[in-house]
Amino acid sequence: MRLKPAIIGFIAAAALTVAHVAFAQGIDESFAARAGFSTQGDLTLIIARLIRTALGFLGVVVVVLILYGGFLYMTAAGEAKRVDKAKKVLVNALIGLVIVLSSFAIAQFVVGSLSSATGTTVGLGPGG
């Protein structure tokens, strides 16, 4: 009976290693333009967009960690170790939130300073 999981694992591994066909003859830049990543633009604009994307991802991670800490706290049922673990997760998530917001402010200042020095208008906000 232990043979079935081994066979299933082998088939899954074989399926993941087989090369799949990708029909990528042409480059469609319309998706990149809709997503805000066009191929034209200066370096500060590209860096600003990458920073905005990375900080947005980190913000999502912080929210997930806060939800996880809240879930741990709610399901601790008064058990001291579990409550302490939940509090640690929440405190660390809040420290991470402060770091992400601080890095956003610093990056906004640096990119704004660089763009004003070069004569372009680039920002990290929604319109930038």
C-alpha atoms as a PDB file:
ATOM      1  CA  MET A   1       0.000   0.000   0.000  1.00  0.00           C
ATOM      2  CA  ARG A   2       2.983   2.328   0.434  1.00  0.00           C
ATOM      3  CA  LEU A   3       3.624   2.008  -3.275  1.00  0.00           C
ATOM      4  CA  LYS A   4       0.717   4.287  -4.285  1.00  0.00           C
ATOM      5  CA  PRO A   5       2.111   7.520  -2.736  1.00  0.00           C
ATOM      6  CA  ALA A   6       5.513   6.765  -4.279  1.00  0.00           C
ATOM      7  CA  ILE A   7       3.965   6.300  -7.724  1.00  0.00           C
ATOM      8  CA  ILE A   8       1.898   9.472  -7.355  1.00  0.00           C
ATOM      9  CA  GLY A   9       4.984  11.405  -6.239  1.00  0.00           C
ATOM     10  CA  PHE A  10       6.991  10.074  -9.182  1.00  0.00           C
ATOM     11  CA  ILE A  11       4.266  11.040 -11.657  1.00  0.00           C
ATOM     12  CA  ALA A  12       3.986  14.524 -10.120  1.00  0.00           C
ATOM     13  CA  ALA A  13       7.767  15.018 -10.274  1.00  0.00           C
ATOM     14  CA  ALA A  14       7.857  13.809 -13.882  1.00  0.00           C
ATOM     15  CA  ALA A  15       5.028  16.176 -14.815  1.00  0.00           C
ATOM     16  CA  LEU A  16       6.895  19.126 -13.310  1.00  0.00           C
ATOM     17  CA  THR A  17      10.117  18.353 -15.161  1.00  0.00           C
ATOM     18  CA  VAL A  18       8.571  17.989 -18.621  1.00  0.00           C
ATOM     19  CA  ALA A  19       9.049  21.067 -20.780  1.00  0.00           C
ATOM     20  CA  HIS A  20       5.839  22.771 -21.750  1.00  0.00           C
ATOM     21  CA  VAL A  21       5.248  24.636 -24.979  1.00  0.00           C
ATOM     22  CA  ALA A  22       5.115  28.412 -24.653  1.00  0.00           C
ATOM     23  CA  PHE A  23       3.925  30.342 -27.659  1.00  0.00           C
ATOM     24  CA  ALA A  24       5.914  33.518 -27.058  1.00  0.00           C
ATOM     25  CA  GLN A  25       6.872  34.642 -30.521  1.00  0.00           C
ATOM     26  CA  GLY A  26       6.022  38.301 -30.084  1.00  0.00           C
ATOM     27  CA  ILE A  27       6.290  40.771 -27.247  1.00  0.00           C
ATOM     28  CA  ASP A  28       3.008  42.317 -26.196  1.00  0.00           C
ATOM     29  CA  GLU A  29       3.802  45.621 -24.505  1.00  0.00           C
ATOM     30  CA  SER A  30       0.164  46.529 -23.909  1.00  0.00           C
ATOM     31  CA  PHE A  31       0.015  44.518 -20.681  1.00  0.00           C
ATOM     32  CA  ALA A  32       3.160  46.198 -19.389  1.00  0.00           C
ATOM     33  CA  ALA A  33       1.725  49.607 -20.219  1.00  0.00           C
ATOM     34  CA  ARG A  34      -1.567  48.812 -18.440  1.00  0.00           C
ATOM     35  CA  ALA A  35       0.332  47.557 -15.395  1.00  0.00           C
ATOM     36  CA  GLY A  36       2.411  50.725 -15.296  1.00  0.00           C
ATOM     37  CA  PHE A  37       5.643  49.167 -16.514  1.00  0.00           C
ATOM     38  CA  SER A  38       6.275  50.556 -19.961  1.00  0.00           C
ATOM     39  CA  THR A  39       9.570  49.998 -21.704  1.00  0.00           C
ATOM     40  CA  GLN A  40      10.141  53.699 -22.308  1.00  0.00           C
ATOM     41  CA  GLY A  41      11.149  56.026 -19.528  1.00  0.00           C
ATOM     42  CA  ASP A  42      14.154  57.204 -17.670  1.00  0.00           C
ATOM     43  CA  LEU A  43      15.925  55.331 -14.923  1.00  0.00           C
ATOM     44  CA  THR A  44      14.376  57.277 -12.047  1.00  0.00           C
ATOM     45  CA  LEU A  45      10.885  56.463 -13.293  1.00  0.00           C
ATOM     46  CA  ILE A  46      11.684  52.762 -13.533  1.00  0.00           C
ATOM     47  CA  ILE A  47      13.277  52.736 -10.069  1.00  0.00           C
ATOM     48  CA  ALA A  48      10.300  54.603  -8.585  1.00  0.00           C
ATOM     49  CA  ARG A  49       7.872  52.066 -10.024  1.00  0.00           C
ATOM     50  CA  LEU A  50       9.946  49.137  -8.764  1.00  0.00           C
ATOM     51  CA  ILE A  51      10.159  50.658  -5.280  1.00  0.00           C
ATOM     52  CA  ARG A  52       6.401  51.291  -5.260  1.00  0.00           C
ATOM     53  CA  THR A  53       5.726  47.695  -6.273  1.00  0.00           C
ATOM     54  CA  ALA A  54       8.119  46.258  -3.680  1.00  0.00           C
ATOM     55  CA  LEU A  55       6.715  48.419  -0.883  1.00  0.00           C
ATOM     56  CA  GLY A  56       3.174  47.480  -1.882  1.00  0.00           C
ATOM     57  CA  PHE A  57       4.108  43.812  -1.630  1.00  0.00           C
ATOM     58  CA  LEU A  58       5.715  44.387   1.769  1.00  0.00           C
ATOM     59  CA  GLY A  59       2.559  46.159   2.925  1.00  0.00           C
ATOM     60  CA  VAL A  60       0.517  43.093   1.988  1.00  0.00           C
ATOM     61  CA  VAL A  61       2.959  40.879   3.911  1.00  0.00           C
ATOM     62  CA  VAL A  62       2.597  43.088   7.000  1.00  0.00           C
ATOM     63  CA  VAL A  63      -1.203  42.932   6.825  1.00  0.00           C
ATOM     64  CA  VAL A  64      -1.064  39.134   6.546  1.00  0.00           C
ATOM     65  CA  LEU A  65       1.253  38.982   9.572  1.00  0.00           C
ATOM     66  CA  ILE A  66      -1.103  41.181  11.600  1.00  0.00           C
ATOM     67  CA  LEU A  67      -4.026  38.938  10.665  1.00  0.00           C
ATOM     68  CA  TYR A  68      -1.980  35.873  11.590  1.00  0.00           C
ATOM     69  CA  GLY A  69      -1.038  37.362  14.952  1.00  0.00           C
ATOM     70  CA  GLY A  70      -4.669  38.240  15.617  1.00  0.00           C
ATOM     71  CA  PHE A  71      -5.720  34.726  14.714  1.00  0.00           C
ATOM     72  CA  LEU A  72      -3.111  33.284  17.073  1.00  0.00           C
ATOM     73  CA  TYR A  73      -4.284  35.602  19.844  1.00  0.00           C
ATOM     74  CA  MET A  74      -7.947  34.723  19.339  1.00  0.00           C
ATOM     75  CA  THR A  75      -7.288  30.981  19.300  1.00  0.00           C
ATOM     76  CA  ALA A  76      -4.847  30.992  22.242  1.00  0.00           C
ATOM     77  CA  ALA A  77      -7.675  30.222  24.704  1.00  0.00           C
ATOM     78  CA  GLY A  78      -5.763  31.860  27.546  1.00  0.00           C
ATOM     79  CA  GLU A  79      -2.710  29.634  27.187  1.00  0.00           C
ATOM     80  CA  ALA A  80       0.253  31.787  28.218  1.00  0.00           C
ATOM     81  CA  LYS A  81       2.771  30.470  25.653  1.00  0.00           C
ATOM     82  CA  ARG A  82       0.393  30.909  22.755  1.00  0.00           C
ATOM     83  CA  VAL A  83      -0.629  34.394  23.909  1.00  0.00           C
ATOM     84  CA  ASP A  84       3.043  35.387  24.177  1.00  0.00           C
ATOM     85  CA  LYS A  85       3.715  34.029  20.687  1.00  0.00           C
ATOM     86  CA  ALA A  86       0.751  35.972  19.307  1.00  0.00           C
ATOM     87  CA  LYS A  87       1.927  39.155  21.015  1.00  0.00           C
ATOM     88  CA  LYS A  88       5.429  38.685  19.589  1.00  0.00           C
ATOM     89  CA  VAL A  89       4.020  38.239  16.086  1.00  0.00           C
ATOM     90  CA  LEU A  90       1.849  41.356  16.455  1.00  0.00           C
ATOM     91  CA  VAL A  91       4.686  43.481  17.855  1.00  0.00           C
ATOM     92  CA  ASN A  92       7.067  42.325  15.124  1.00  0.00           C
ATOM     93  CA  ALA A  93       4.429  42.994  12.462  1.00  0.00           C
ATOM     94  CA  LEU A  94       3.881  46.512  13.806  1.00  0.00           C
ATOM     95  CA  ILE A  95       7.642  47.129  13.844  1.00  0.00           C
ATOM     96  CA  GLY A  96       7.719  45.887  10.239  1.00  0.00           C
ATOM     97  CA  LEU A  97       4.887  48.272   9.380  1.00  0.00           C
ATOM     98  CA  VAL A  98       6.853  51.182  10.831  1.00  0.00           C
ATOM     99  CA  ILE A  99       9.918  50.113   8.836  1.00  0.00           C
ATOM    100  CA  VAL A 100       7.913  49.823   5.600  1.00  0.00           C
ATOM    101  CA  LEU A 101       6.288  53.225   6.083  1.00  0.00           C
ATOM    102  CA  SER A 102       9.645  54.805   6.970  1.00  0.00           C
ATOM    103  CA  SER A 103      11.296  53.276   3.922  1.00  0.00           C
ATOM    104  CA  PHE A 104       8.433  54.583   1.781  1.00  0.00           C
ATOM    105  CA  ALA A 105       8.964  58.091   3.146  1.00  0.00           C
ATOM    106  CA  ILE A 106      12.729  57.919   2.634  1.00  0.00           C
ATOM    107  CA  ALA A 107      12.346  56.515  -0.887  1.00  0.00           C
ATOM    108  CA  GLN A 108       9.762  59.193  -1.707  1.00  0.00           C
ATOM    109  CA  PHE A 109      12.192  61.890  -0.562  1.00  0.00           C
ATOM    110  CA  VAL A 110      15.176  60.427  -2.429  1.00  0.00           C
ATOM    111  CA  VAL A 111      13.309  59.817  -5.682  1.00  0.00           C
ATOM    112  CA  GLY A 112      11.671  63.239  -5.459  1.00  0.00           C
ATOM    113  CA  SER A 113      15.055  64.869  -4.915  1.00  0.00           C
ATOM    114  CA  LEU A 114      16.604  62.966  -7.811  1.00  0.00           C
ATOM    115  CA  SER A 115      13.738  63.760 -10.143  1.00  0.00           C
ATOM    116  CA  SER A 116      13.793  67.469  -9.274  1.00  0.00           C
ATOM    117  CA  ALA A 117      17.563  67.535  -9.805  1.00  0.00           C
ATOM    118  CA  THR A 118      17.226  65.926 -13.227  1.00  0.00           C
ATOM    119  CA  GLY A 119      14.198  67.996 -14.225  1.00  0.00           C
ATOM    120  CA  THR A 120      11.662  65.165 -14.391  1.00  0.00           C
ATOM    121  CA  THR A 121       8.605  64.706 -12.237  1.00  0.00           C
ATOM    122  CA  VAL A 122       8.540  61.273 -10.638  1.00  0.00           C
ATOM    123  CA  GLY A 123       6.837  60.193  -7.453  1.00  0.00           C
ATOM    124  CA  LEU A 124       6.082  57.003  -5.593  1.00  0.00           C
ATOM    125  CA  GLY A 125       2.438  57.845  -4.989  1.00  0.00           C
ATOM    126  CA  PRO A 126      -0.515  56.567  -7.010  1.00  0.00           C
ATOM    127  CA  GLY A 127      -0.017  59.072  -9.807  1.00  0.00           C
ATOM    128  CA  GLY A 128       3.791  58.817  -9.904  1.00  0.00           C
END
